[in-house]
Amino acid sequence: MSVIPTDVKGTRGNARWEFETFWQKITRALDRLAVNRSCRTMPATAFHRAKYDLDRCRRLMREG
């Protein structure tokens, strides 16, 4: 059985290795972006409270 190393960097003359590492960097950056955004999401209770407040304000504006 052969093992393909993933942490080996290519030499300067090997453009294929440089191309792969570029795309790996891009995917890692996108993964970090998604993780950061998911950590900053609004909690469900705050979301429902805000939705209730918006509905209450709409009702008050229609009545007044």
Protein backbone atom coordinates (compact mmCIF):
# COMPACT_ATOMS: atom_id res chain seq x y z
CA MET A 1 0.00 0.00 0.00
CA SER A 2 1.35 3.42 -0.90
CA VAL A 3 0.74 6.63 1.02
CA ILE A 4 0.35 10.01 -0.64
CA PRO A 5 1.92 12.74 1.51
CA THR A 6 -0.21 15.88 1.81
CA ASP A 7 2.19 18.06 3.79
CA VAL A 8 5.05 17.92 1.28
CA LYS A 9 5.69 21.17 -0.57
CA GLY A 10 6.86 21.02 -4.15
CA THR A 11 9.99 22.58 -5.53
CA ARG A 12 9.96 25.87 -7.39
CA GLY A 13 10.17 24.15 -10.74
CA ASN A 14 7.11 22.03 -10.12
CA ALA A 15 4.15 24.25 -11.09
CA ARG A 16 1.59 21.54 -10.31
CA TRP A 17 2.54 21.54 -6.61
CA GLU A 18 2.35 25.34 -6.47
CA PHE A 19 -1.07 25.27 -8.16
CA GLU A 20 -2.41 22.73 -5.67
CA THR A 21 -1.13 24.60 -2.67
CA PHE A 22 -2.75 27.80 -4.00
CA TRP A 23 -6.17 26.14 -4.20
CA GLN A 24 -5.67 24.51 -0.82
CA LYS A 25 -4.99 27.95 0.65
CA ILE A 26 -8.15 29.30 -0.96
CA THR A 27 -10.30 26.46 0.40
CA ARG A 28 -8.82 26.83 3.89
CA ALA A 29 -9.55 30.56 3.83
CA LEU A 30 -13.15 29.93 2.78
CA ASP A 31 -13.53 27.34 5.53
CA ARG A 32 -12.25 29.82 8.12
CA LEU A 33 -14.68 32.43 6.81
CA ALA A 34 -17.62 30.05 7.16
CA VAL A 35 -16.57 29.05 10.67
CA ASN A 36 -16.19 32.68 11.73
CA ARG A 37 -19.63 33.56 10.38
CA SER A 38 -21.29 30.60 12.04
CA CYS A 39 -19.76 31.59 15.39
CA ARG A 40 -21.28 35.07 15.15
CA THR A 41 -24.85 34.02 14.36
CA MET A 42 -27.75 35.36 16.34
CA PRO A 43 -29.11 33.10 19.09
CA ALA A 44 -32.61 31.72 18.45
CA THR A 45 -34.13 33.52 21.44
CA ALA A 46 -32.83 36.90 20.29
CA PHE A 47 -34.09 36.21 16.76
CA HIS A 48 -37.60 35.36 17.97
CA ARG A 49 -37.63 38.39 20.29
CA ALA A 50 -36.65 40.69 17.40
CA LYS A 51 -39.31 39.12 15.17
CA TYR A 52 -41.93 39.64 17.89
CA ASP A 53 -40.85 43.27 18.33
CA LEU A 54 -41.10 43.93 14.58
CA ASP A 55 -44.59 42.42 14.46
CA ARG A 56 -45.64 44.51 17.48
CA CYS A 57 -44.31 47.69 15.84
CA ARG A 58 -46.18 46.90 12.61
CA ARG A 59 -49.43 46.42 14.53
CA LEU A 60 -48.93 49.70 16.39
CA MET A 61 -48.22 51.59 13.16
CA ARG A 62 -51.36 50.21 11.50
CA GLU A 63 -53.53 51.11 14.50
CA GLY A 64 -52.15 54.60 14.95
